[in-house]
PDB file of N, CA and C in Angstrom:
ATOM      1  N   UNK A   1     199.160  89.206 127.802  1.00  0.00           N
ATOM      2  CA  UNK A   1     199.742  89.597 129.063  1.00  0.00           C
ATOM      3  C   UNK A   1     199.069  90.867 129.596  1.00  0.00           C
ATOM      4  N   UNK A   2     198.715  91.752 128.683  1.00  0.00           N
ATOM      5  CA  UNK A   2     198.055  92.987 129.101  1.00  0.00           C
ATOM      6  C   UNK A   2     196.705  92.694 129.751  1.00  0.00           C
ATOM      7  N   UNK A   3     195.960  91.764 129.150  1.00  0.00           N
ATOM      8  CA  UNK A   3     194.649  91.417 129.709  1.00  0.00           C
ATOM      9  C   UNK A   3     194.788  90.806 131.100  1.00  0.00           C
ATOM     10  N   UNK A   4     195.793  89.934 131.262  1.00  0.00           N
ATOM     11  CA  UNK A   4     196.007  89.302 132.558  1.00  0.00           C
ATOM     12  C   UNK A   4     196.324  90.349 133.620  1.00  0.00           C
ATOM     13  N   UNK A   5     197.227  91.273 133.315  1.00  0.00           N
ATOM     14  CA  UNK A   5     197.602  92.297 134.290  1.00  0.00           C
ATOM     15  C   UNK A   5     196.422  93.210 134.621  1.00  0.00           C
ATOM     16  N   UNK A   6     195.655  93.565 133.610  1.00  0.00           N
ATOM     17  CA  UNK A   6     194.487  94.406 133.870  1.00  0.00           C
ATOM     18  C   UNK A   6     193.461  93.670 134.719  1.00  0.00           C
ATOM     19  N   UNK A   7     193.238  92.395 134.426  1.00  0.00           N
ATOM     20  CA  UNK A   7     192.306  91.598 135.218  1.00  0.00           C
ATOM     21  C   UNK A   7     192.796  91.408 136.652  1.00  0.00           C
ATOM     22  N   UNK A   8     194.083  91.125 136.799  1.00  0.00           N
ATOM     23  CA  UNK A   8     194.657  90.987 138.131  1.00  0.00           C
ATOM     24  C   UNK A   8     194.566  92.301 138.894  1.00  0.00           C
ATOM     25  N   UNK A   9     194.872  93.399 138.225  1.00  0.00           N
ATOM     26  CA  UNK A   9     194.795  94.710 138.848  1.00  0.00           C
ATOM     27  C   UNK A   9     193.386  95.040 139.298  1.00  0.00           C
ATOM     28  N   UNK A  10     192.412  94.771 138.450  1.00  0.00           N
ATOM     29  CA  UNK A  10     191.019  95.041 138.790  1.00  0.00           C
ATOM     30  C   UNK A  10     190.570  94.166 139.967  1.00  0.00           C
ATOM     31  N   UNK A  11     190.981  92.901 139.958  1.00  0.00           N
ATOM     32  CA  UNK A  11     190.635  91.995 141.061  1.00  0.00           C
ATOM     33  C   UNK A  11     191.236  92.479 142.372  1.00  0.00           C
ATOM     34  N   UNK A  12     192.505  92.869 142.349  1.00  0.00           N
ATOM     35  CA  UNK A  12     193.148  93.357 143.567  1.00  0.00           C
ATOM     36  C   UNK A  12     192.527  94.669 144.040  1.00  0.00           C
ATOM     37  N   UNK A  13     192.144  95.530 143.113  1.00  0.00           N
ATOM     38  CA  UNK A  13     191.470  96.776 143.499  1.00  0.00           C
ATOM     39  C   UNK A  13     190.118  96.490 144.159  1.00  0.00           C
ATOM     40  N   UNK A  14     189.384  95.525 143.629  1.00  0.00           N
ATOM     41  CA  UNK A  14     188.102  95.161 144.233  1.00  0.00           C
ATOM     42  C   UNK A  14     188.300  94.539 145.609  1.00  0.00           C
ATOM     43  N   UNK A  15     189.323  93.700 145.755  1.00  0.00           N
ATOM     44  CA  UNK A  15     189.619  93.129 147.073  1.00  0.00           C
ATOM     45  C   UNK A  15     190.048  94.209 148.053  1.00  0.00           C
ATOM     46  N   UNK A  16     190.810  95.188 147.571  1.00  0.00           N
ATOM     47  CA  UNK A  16     191.196  96.309 148.417  1.00  0.00           C
ATOM     48  C   UNK A  16     189.991  97.124 148.861  1.00  0.00           C
ATOM     49  N   UNK A  17     189.050  97.322 147.961  1.00  0.00           N
ATOM     50  CA  UNK A  17     187.832  98.047 148.316  1.00  0.00           C
ATOM     51  C   UNK A  17     187.013  97.256 149.335  1.00  0.00           C
ATOM     52  N   UNK A  18     186.949  95.941 149.163  1.00  0.00           N
ATOM     53  CA  UNK A  18     186.232  95.105 150.130  1.00  0.00           C
ATOM     54  C   UNK A  18     186.908  95.157 151.494  1.00  0.00           C
ATOM     55  N   UNK A  19     188.237  95.169 151.506  1.00  0.00           N
ATOM     56  CA  UNK A  19     188.967  95.269 152.776  1.00  0.00           C
ATOM     57  C   UNK A  19     188.724  96.619 153.436  1.00  0.00           C
ATOM     58  N   UNK A  20     188.605  97.674 152.640  1.00  0.00           N
ATOM     59  CA  UNK A  20     188.320  99.000 153.202  1.00  0.00           C
ATOM     60  C   UNK A  20     186.928  99.031 153.818  1.00  0.00           C
ATOM     61  N   UNK A  21     185.966  98.422 153.153  1.00  0.00           N
ATOM     62  CA  UNK A  21     184.612  98.353 153.694  1.00  0.00           C
ATOM     63  C   UNK A  21     184.609  97.537 154.991  1.00  0.00           C
ATOM     64  N   UNK A  22     185.343  96.430 155.000  1.00  0.00           N
ATOM     65  CA  UNK A  22     185.424  95.602 156.209  1.00  0.00           C
ATOM     66  C   UNK A  22     186.052  96.378 157.357  1.00  0.00           C
ATOM     67  N   UNK A  23     187.058  97.189 157.052  1.00  0.00           N
ATOM     68  CA  UNK A  23     187.697  97.986 158.094  1.00  0.00           C
ATOM     69  C   UNK A  23     186.730  99.038 158.651  1.00  0.00           C
ATOM     70  N   UNK A  24     185.973  99.677 157.785  1.00  0.00           N
ATOM     71  CA  UNK A  24     185.004 100.673 158.239  1.00  0.00           C
ATOM     72  C   UNK A  24     183.922 100.009 159.089  1.00  0.00           C
ATOM     73  N   UNK A  25     183.430  98.863 158.650  1.00  0.00           N
ATOM     74  CA  UNK A  25     182.397  98.165 159.415  1.00  0.00           C
ATOM     75  C   UNK A  25     182.936  97.688 160.762  1.00  0.00           C
ATOM     76  N   UNK A  26     184.182  97.239 160.798  1.00  0.00           N
ATOM     77  CA  UNK A  26     184.805  96.827 162.058  1.00  0.00           C
ATOM     78  C   UNK A  26     184.956  98.024 162.981  1.00  0.00           C
ATOM     79  N   UNK A  27     185.322  99.149 162.419  1.00  0.00           N
ATOM     80  CA  UNK A  27     185.468 100.376 163.204  1.00  0.00           C
ATOM     81  C   UNK A  27     184.131 100.802 163.808  1.00  0.00           C
ATOM     82  N   UNK A  28     183.081 100.752 163.009  1.00  0.00           N
ATOM     83  CA  UNK A  28     181.752 101.138 163.490  1.00  0.00           C
ATOM     84  C   UNK A  28     181.260 100.150 164.549  1.00  0.00           C
ATOM     85  N   UNK A  29     181.478  98.864 164.316  1.00  0.00           N
ATOM     86  CA  UNK A  29     180.979  97.849 165.245  1.00  0.00           C
ATOM     87  C   UNK A  29     181.723  97.877 166.581  1.00  0.00           C
ATOM     88  N   UNK A  30     183.028  98.125 166.541  1.00  0.00           N
ATOM     89  CA  UNK A  30     183.813  98.092 167.782  1.00  0.00           C
ATOM     90  C   UNK A  30     183.777  99.429 168.512  1.00  0.00           C
ATOM     91  N   UNK A  31     183.487 100.497 167.798  1.00  0.00           N
ATOM     92  CA  UNK A  31     183.434 101.812 168.417  1.00  0.00           C
ATOM     93  C   UNK A  31     184.796 102.413 168.683  1.00  0.00           C
ATOM     94  N   UNK A  32     185.841 101.780 168.233  1.00  0.00           N
ATOM     95  CA  UNK A  32     187.197 102.289 168.436  1.00  0.00           C
ATOM     96  C   UNK A  32     188.039 102.040 167.208  1.00  0.00           C
ATOM     97  N   UNK A  33     189.293 102.394 167.319  1.00  0.00           N
ATOM     98  CA  UNK A  33     190.209 102.217 166.200  1.00  0.00           C
ATOM     99  C   UNK A  33     190.517 100.732 166.027  1.00  0.00           C
ATOM    100  N   UNK A  34     190.216 100.220 164.867  1.00  0.00           N
ATOM    101  CA  UNK A  34     190.485  98.828 164.559  1.00  0.00           C
ATOM    102  C   UNK A  34     190.972  98.752 163.127  1.00  0.00           C
ATOM    103  N   UNK A  35     191.986  97.917 162.904  1.00  0.00           N
ATOM    104  CA  UNK A  35     192.573  97.854 161.575  1.00  0.00           C
ATOM    105  C   UNK A  35     192.524  96.417 161.073  1.00  0.00           C
ATOM    106  N   UNK A  36     192.120  96.248 159.828  1.00  0.00           N
ATOM    107  CA  UNK A  36     192.115  94.946 159.176  1.00  0.00           C
ATOM    108  C   UNK A  36     193.406  94.860 158.380  1.00  0.00           C
ATOM    109  N   UNK A  37     194.369  94.112 158.929  1.00  0.00           N
ATOM    110  CA  UNK A  37     195.674  94.018 158.272  1.00  0.00           C
ATOM    111  C   UNK A  37     195.686  92.842 157.299  1.00  0.00           C
ATOM    112  N   UNK A  38     196.654  92.876 156.418  1.00  0.00           N
ATOM    113  CA  UNK A  38     196.817  91.796 155.464  1.00  0.00           C
ATOM    114  C   UNK A  38     197.116  90.492 156.198  1.00  0.00           C
ATOM    115  N   UNK A  39     197.919  90.569 157.254  1.00  0.00           N
ATOM    116  CA  UNK A  39     198.250  89.388 158.039  1.00  0.00           C
ATOM    117  C   UNK A  39     197.048  88.789 158.744  1.00  0.00           C
ATOM    118  N   UNK A  40     196.142  89.638 159.230  1.00  0.00           N
ATOM    119  CA  UNK A  40     194.956  89.115 159.915  1.00  0.00           C
ATOM    120  C   UNK A  40     194.027  88.393 158.942  1.00  0.00           C
ATOM    121  N   UNK A  41     193.949  88.874 157.715  1.00  0.00           N
ATOM    122  CA  UNK A  41     193.138  88.190 156.707  1.00  0.00           C
ATOM    123  C   UNK A  41     193.760  86.850 156.354  1.00  0.00           C
ATOM    124  N   UNK A  42     195.084  86.834 156.139  1.00  0.00           N
ATOM    125  CA  UNK A  42     195.775  85.594 155.814  1.00  0.00           C
ATOM    126  C   UNK A  42     195.632  84.598 156.964  1.00  0.00           C
ATOM    127  N   UNK A  43     195.763  85.087 158.201  1.00  0.00           N
ATOM    128  CA  UNK A  43     195.636  84.221 159.369  1.00  0.00           C
ATOM    129  C   UNK A  43     194.234  83.615 159.453  1.00  0.00           C
ATOM    130  N   UNK A  44     193.225  84.410 159.158  1.00  0.00           N
ATOM    131  CA  UNK A  44     191.850  83.907 159.206  1.00  0.00           C
ATOM    132  C   UNK A  44     191.595  82.864 158.118  1.00  0.00           C
ATOM    133  N   UNK A  45     192.232  83.032 156.966  1.00  0.00           N
ATOM    134  CA  UNK A  45     192.038  82.084 155.871  1.00  0.00           C
ATOM    135  C   UNK A  45     192.812  80.789 156.087  1.00  0.00           C
ATOM    136  N   UNK A  46     194.069  80.897 156.540  1.00  0.00           N
ATOM    137  CA  UNK A  46     194.915  79.713 156.713  1.00  0.00           C
ATOM    138  C   UNK A  46     196.095  80.060 157.608  1.00  0.00           C
ATOM    139  N   UNK A  47     195.930  79.849 158.906  1.00  0.00           N
ATOM    140  CA  UNK A  47     196.974  80.195 159.869  1.00  0.00           C
ATOM    141  C   UNK A  47     198.234  79.368 159.651  1.00  0.00           C
ATOM    142  N   UNK A  48     198.085  78.091 159.326  1.00  0.00           N
ATOM    143  CA  UNK A  48     199.261  77.230 159.139  1.00  0.00           C
ATOM    144  C   UNK A  48     200.122  77.676 157.967  1.00  0.00           C
ATOM    145  N   UNK A  49     199.494  78.095 156.877  1.00  0.00           N
ATOM    146  CA  UNK A  49     200.285  78.521 155.725  1.00  0.00           C
ATOM    147  C   UNK A  49     201.017  79.832 156.014  1.00  0.00           C
ATOM    148  N   UNK A  50     200.406  80.705 156.811  1.00  0.00           N
ATOM    149  CA  UNK A  50     201.062  81.955 157.184  1.00  0.00           C
ATOM    150  C   UNK A  50     202.314  81.677 158.006  1.00  0.00           C
ATOM    151  N   UNK A  51     202.199  80.824 159.007  1.00  0.00           N
ATOM    152  CA  UNK A  51     203.346  80.489 159.856  1.00  0.00           C
ATOM    153  C   UNK A  51     204.423  79.776 159.037  1.00  0.00           C
ATOM    154  N   UNK A  52     204.020  78.861 158.186  1.00  0.00           N
ATOM    155  CA  UNK A  52     204.969  78.143 157.343  1.00  0.00           C
ATOM    156  C   UNK A  52     205.686  79.056 156.361  1.00  0.00           C
ATOM    157  N   UNK A  53     204.944  79.982 155.770  1.00  0.00           N
ATOM    158  CA  UNK A  53     205.553  80.908 154.823  1.00  0.00           C
ATOM    159  C   UNK A  53     206.560  81.821 155.509  1.00  0.00           C
ATOM    160  N   UNK A  54     206.199  82.302 156.689  1.00  0.00           N
ATOM    161  CA  UNK A  54     207.122  83.159 157.431  1.00  0.00           C
ATOM    162  C   UNK A  54     208.399  82.398 157.794  1.00  0.00           C
ATOM    163  N   UNK A  55     208.256  81.155 158.233  1.00  0.00           N
ATOM    164  CA  UNK A  55     209.429  80.343 158.574  1.00  0.00           C
ATOM    165  C   UNK A  55     210.289  80.084 157.344  1.00  0.00           C
ATOM    166  N   UNK A  56     209.665  79.821 156.214  1.00  0.00           N
ATOM    167  CA  UNK A  56     210.416  79.575 154.982  1.00  0.00           C
ATOM    168  C   UNK A  56     211.173  80.821 154.539  1.00  0.00           C
ATOM    169  N   UNK A  57     210.536  81.983 154.656  1.00  0.00           N
ATOM    170  CA  UNK A  57     211.206  83.234 154.284  1.00  0.00           C
ATOM    171  C   UNK A  57     212.407  83.478 155.181  1.00  0.00           C
ATOM    172  N   UNK A  58     212.224  83.309 156.483  1.00  0.00           N
ATOM    173  CA  UNK A  58     213.338  83.535 157.405  1.00  0.00           C
ATOM    174  C   UNK A  58     214.464  82.530 157.186  1.00  0.00           C
ATOM    175  N   UNK A  59     214.111  81.278 156.907  1.00  0.00           N
ATOM    176  CA  UNK A  59     215.120  80.240 156.711  1.00  0.00           C
ATOM    177  C   UNK A  59     215.898  80.455 155.410  1.00  0.00           C
ATOM    178  N   UNK A  60     215.199  80.810 154.339  1.00  0.00           N
ATOM    179  CA  UNK A  60     215.846  80.901 153.030  1.00  0.00           C
ATOM    180  C   UNK A  60     216.377  82.285 152.693  1.00  0.00           C
ATOM    181  N   UNK A  61     215.755  83.325 153.196  1.00  0.00           N
ATOM    182  CA  UNK A  61     216.153  84.689 152.832  1.00  0.00           C
ATOM    183  C   UNK A  61     216.771  85.469 153.983  1.00  0.00           C
ATOM    184  N   UNK A  62     216.655  84.959 155.191  1.00  0.00           N
ATOM    185  CA  UNK A  62     217.268  85.625 156.330  1.00  0.00           C
ATOM    186  C   UNK A  62     216.250  86.310 157.225  1.00  0.00           C
ATOM    187  N   UNK A  63     216.726  86.684 158.399  1.00  0.00           N
ATOM    188  CA  UNK A  63     215.852  87.290 159.401  1.00  0.00           C
ATOM    189  C   UNK A  63     215.373  88.672 158.970  1.00  0.00           C
ATOM    190  N   UNK A  64     216.214  89.417 158.259  1.00  0.00           N
ATOM    191  CA  UNK A  64     215.809  90.743 157.791  1.00  0.00           C
ATOM    192  C   UNK A  64     214.602  90.651 156.862  1.00  0.00           C
ATOM    193  N   UNK A  65     214.617  89.683 155.953  1.00  0.00           N
ATOM    194  CA  UNK A  65     213.477  89.498 155.046  1.00  0.00           C
ATOM    195  C   UNK A  65     212.228  89.098 155.822  1.00  0.00           C
ATOM    196  N   UNK A  66     212.405  88.312 156.872  1.00  0.00           N
ATOM    197  CA  UNK A  66     211.271  87.943 157.720  1.00  0.00           C
ATOM    198  C   UNK A  66     210.685  89.150 158.408  1.00  0.00           C
ATOM    199  N   UNK A  67     211.549  90.056 158.862  1.00  0.00           N
ATOM    200  CA  UNK A  67     211.073  91.285 159.509  1.00  0.00           C
ATOM    201  C   UNK A  67     210.335  92.183 158.525  1.00  0.00           C
ATOM    202  N   UNK A  68     210.830  92.250 157.293  1.00  0.00           N
ATOM    203  CA  UNK A  68     210.152  93.035 156.253  1.00  0.00           C
ATOM    204  C   UNK A  68     208.785  92.431 155.959  1.00  0.00           C
ATOM    205  N   UNK A  69     208.726  91.094 155.909  1.00  0.00           N
ATOM    206  CA  UNK A  69     207.449  90.418 155.674  1.00  0.00           C
ATOM    207  C   UNK A  69     206.458  90.734 156.789  1.00  0.00           C
ATOM    208  N   UNK A  70     206.916  90.694 158.026  1.00  0.00           N
ATOM    209  CA  UNK A  70     206.041  90.998 159.157  1.00  0.00           C
ATOM    210  C   UNK A  70     205.533  92.437 159.071  1.00  0.00           C
ATOM    211  N   UNK A  71     206.413  93.353 158.696  1.00  0.00           N
ATOM    212  CA  UNK A  71     205.994  94.758 158.558  1.00  0.00           C
ATOM    213  C   UNK A  71     204.967  94.913 157.444  1.00  0.00           C
ATOM    214  N   UNK A  72     205.162  94.200 156.343  1.00  0.00           N
ATOM    215  CA  UNK A  72     204.217  94.265 155.227  1.00  0.00           C
ATOM    216  C   UNK A  72     202.861  93.693 155.624  1.00  0.00           C
ATOM    217  N   UNK A  73     202.876  92.593 156.363  1.00  0.00           N
ATOM    218  CA  UNK A  73     201.622  91.966 156.778  1.00  0.00           C
ATOM    219  C   UNK A  73     200.883  92.775 157.831  1.00  0.00           C
ATOM    220  N   UNK A  74     201.578  93.688 158.504  1.00  0.00           N
ATOM    221  CA  UNK A  74     200.933  94.525 159.519  1.00  0.00           C
ATOM    222  C   UNK A  74     200.239  95.743 158.901  1.00  0.00           C
ATOM    223  N   UNK A  75     200.506  96.034 157.639  1.00  0.00           N
ATOM    224  CA  UNK A  75     199.880  97.179 156.976  1.00  0.00           C
ATOM    225  C   UNK A  75     198.398  96.899 156.728  1.00  0.00           C
ATOM    226  N   UNK A  76     197.607  97.951 156.596  1.00  0.00           N
ATOM    227  CA  UNK A  76     196.181  97.751 156.282  1.00  0.00           C
ATOM    228  C   UNK A  76     196.025  97.027 154.945  1.00  0.00           C
ATOM    229  N   UNK A  77     195.117  96.075 154.914  1.00  0.00           N
ATOM    230  CA  UNK A  77     194.914  95.266 153.709  1.00  0.00           C
ATOM    231  C   UNK A  77     194.492  96.120 152.522  1.00  0.00           C
ATOM    232  N   UNK A  78     193.640  97.129 152.766  1.00  0.00           N
ATOM    233  CA  UNK A  78     193.167  97.958 151.647  1.00  0.00           C
ATOM    234  C   UNK A  78     194.326  98.695 150.989  1.00  0.00           C
ATOM    235  N   UNK A  79     195.317  99.089 151.786  1.00  0.00           N
ATOM    236  CA  UNK A  79     196.456  99.828 151.245  1.00  0.00           C
ATOM    237  C   UNK A  79     197.323  98.929 150.370  1.00  0.00           C
ATOM    238  N   UNK A  80     197.674  97.773 150.884  1.00  0.00           N
ATOM    239  CA  UNK A  80     198.544  96.856 150.138  1.00  0.00           C
ATOM    240  C   UNK A  80     197.844  96.362 148.879  1.00  0.00           C
ATOM    241  N   UNK A  81     196.619  95.883 149.024  1.00  0.00           N
ATOM    242  CA  UNK A  81     195.888  95.370 147.865  1.00  0.00           C
ATOM    243  C   UNK A  81     195.601  96.468 146.854  1.00  0.00           C
ATOM    244  N   UNK A  82     195.264  97.652 147.338  1.00  0.00           N
ATOM    245  CA  UNK A  82     194.989  98.768 146.438  1.00  0.00           C
ATOM    246  C   UNK A  82     196.210  99.198 145.648  1.00  0.00           C
ATOM    247  N   UNK A  83     197.353  99.291 146.322  1.00  0.00           N
ATOM    248  CA  UNK A  83     198.572  99.703 145.617  1.00  0.00           C
ATOM    249  C   UNK A  83     199.038  98.636 144.622  1.00  0.00           C
ATOM    250  N   UNK A  84     198.979  97.366 145.023  1.00  0.00           N
ATOM    251  CA  UNK A  84     199.348  96.296 144.092  1.00  0.00           C
ATOM    252  C   UNK A  84     198.383  96.248 142.912  1.00  0.00           C
ATOM    253  N   UNK A  85     197.094  96.438 143.184  1.00  0.00           N
ATOM    254  CA  UNK A  85     196.103  96.436 142.114  1.00  0.00           C
ATOM    255  C   UNK A  85     196.291  97.588 141.146  1.00  0.00           C
ATOM    256  N   UNK A  86     196.572  98.760 141.688  1.00  0.00           N
ATOM    257  CA  UNK A  86     196.809  99.925 140.831  1.00  0.00           C
ATOM    258  C   UNK A  86     198.055  99.729 139.972  1.00  0.00           C
ATOM    259  N   UNK A  87     199.108  99.187 140.568  1.00  0.00           N
ATOM    260  CA  UNK A  87     200.340  98.950 139.810  1.00  0.00           C
ATOM    261  C   UNK A  87     200.108  97.934 138.698  1.00  0.00           C
ATOM    262  N   UNK A  88     199.414  96.841 138.995  1.00  0.00           N
ATOM    263  CA  UNK A  88     199.150  95.827 137.973  1.00  0.00           C
ATOM    264  C   UNK A  88     198.253  96.386 136.876  1.00  0.00           C
ATOM    265  N   UNK A  89     197.249  97.153 137.260  1.00  0.00           N
ATOM    266  CA  UNK A  89     196.344  97.718 136.263  1.00  0.00           C
ATOM    267  C   UNK A  89     197.079  98.688 135.345  1.00  0.00           C
ATOM    268  N   UNK A  90     197.936  99.524 135.931  1.00  0.00           N
ATOM    269  CA  UNK A  90     198.696 100.475 135.110  1.00  0.00           C
ATOM    270  C   UNK A  90     199.693  99.767 134.207  1.00  0.00           C
ATOM    271  N   UNK A  91     200.320  98.702 134.695  1.00  0.00           N
ATOM    272  CA  UNK A  91     201.252  97.944 133.859  1.00  0.00           C
ATOM    273  C   UNK A  91     200.529  97.230 132.720  1.00  0.00           C
ATOM    274  N   UNK A  92     199.264  96.919 132.924  1.00  0.00           N
ATOM    275  CA  UNK A  92     198.493  96.218 131.910  1.00  0.00           C
ATOM    276  C   UNK A  92     197.901  97.114 130.843  1.00  0.00           C
ATOM    277  N   UNK A  93     198.060  98.407 130.998  1.00  0.00           N
ATOM    278  CA  UNK A  93     197.529  99.317 129.973  1.00  0.00           C
ATOM    279  C   UNK A  93     198.354  99.200 128.708  1.00  0.00           C
ATOM    280  N   UNK A  94     197.696  99.281 127.619  1.00  0.00           N
ATOM    281  CA  UNK A  94     198.411  99.301 126.338  1.00  0.00           C
ATOM    282  C   UNK A  94     198.765 100.745 125.999  1.00  0.00           C
ATOM    283  N   UNK A  95     199.911 100.913 125.396  1.00  0.00           N
ATOM    284  CA  UNK A  95     200.300 102.253 124.981  1.00  0.00           C
ATOM    285  C   UNK A  95     199.436 102.678 123.802  1.00  0.00           C
ATOM    286  N   UNK A  96     198.957 103.881 123.883  1.00  0.00           N
ATOM    287  CA  UNK A  96     198.146 104.419 122.796  1.00  0.00           C
ATOM    288  C   UNK A  96     199.053 105.229 121.876  1.00  0.00           C
ATOM    289  N   UNK A  97     198.950 104.942 120.625  1.00  0.00           N
ATOM    290  CA  UNK A  97     199.760 105.665 119.664  1.00  0.00           C
ATOM    291  C   UNK A  97     198.926 106.742 118.995  1.00  0.00           C
ATOM    292  N   UNK A  98     199.486 107.913 118.918  1.00  0.00           N
ATOM    293  CA  UNK A  98     198.783 109.025 118.298  1.00  0.00           C
ATOM    294  C   UNK A  98     198.910 108.994 116.785  1.00  0.00           C
ATOM    295  N   UNK A  99     198.342 109.980 116.173  1.00  0.00           N
ATOM    296  CA  UNK A  99     198.450 110.083 114.713  1.00  0.00           C
ATOM    297  C   UNK A  99     199.762 110.769 114.387  1.00  0.00           C
ATOM    298  N   UNK A 100     200.594 110.115 113.641  1.00  0.00           N
ATOM    299  CA  UNK A 100     201.781 110.791 113.171  1.00  0.00           C
ATOM    300  C   UNK A 100     202.975 110.391 113.841  1.00  0.00           C
TER     301      UNK A 100
END
């Protein structure tokens, strides 16, 4: 389980770094403030699954959960992926035992 969490954490950290690079390149190319959100990446990969997932969340968990999901998807992708990756990586660390 530790290896899985560390691998997942490292993968999410790398994806977060890639999203940060994409945001910087988008900023340079557009010449203005531009943000690569988690929702925009999901929409580009599969718009139908994003709409379906949002509808399922609102139907099964309520409108408040749908609003929280929308707020989460509006955050910068590097932030969400980086924080999730860091949390998974830290959870995957093994405790080191000292002498004694």
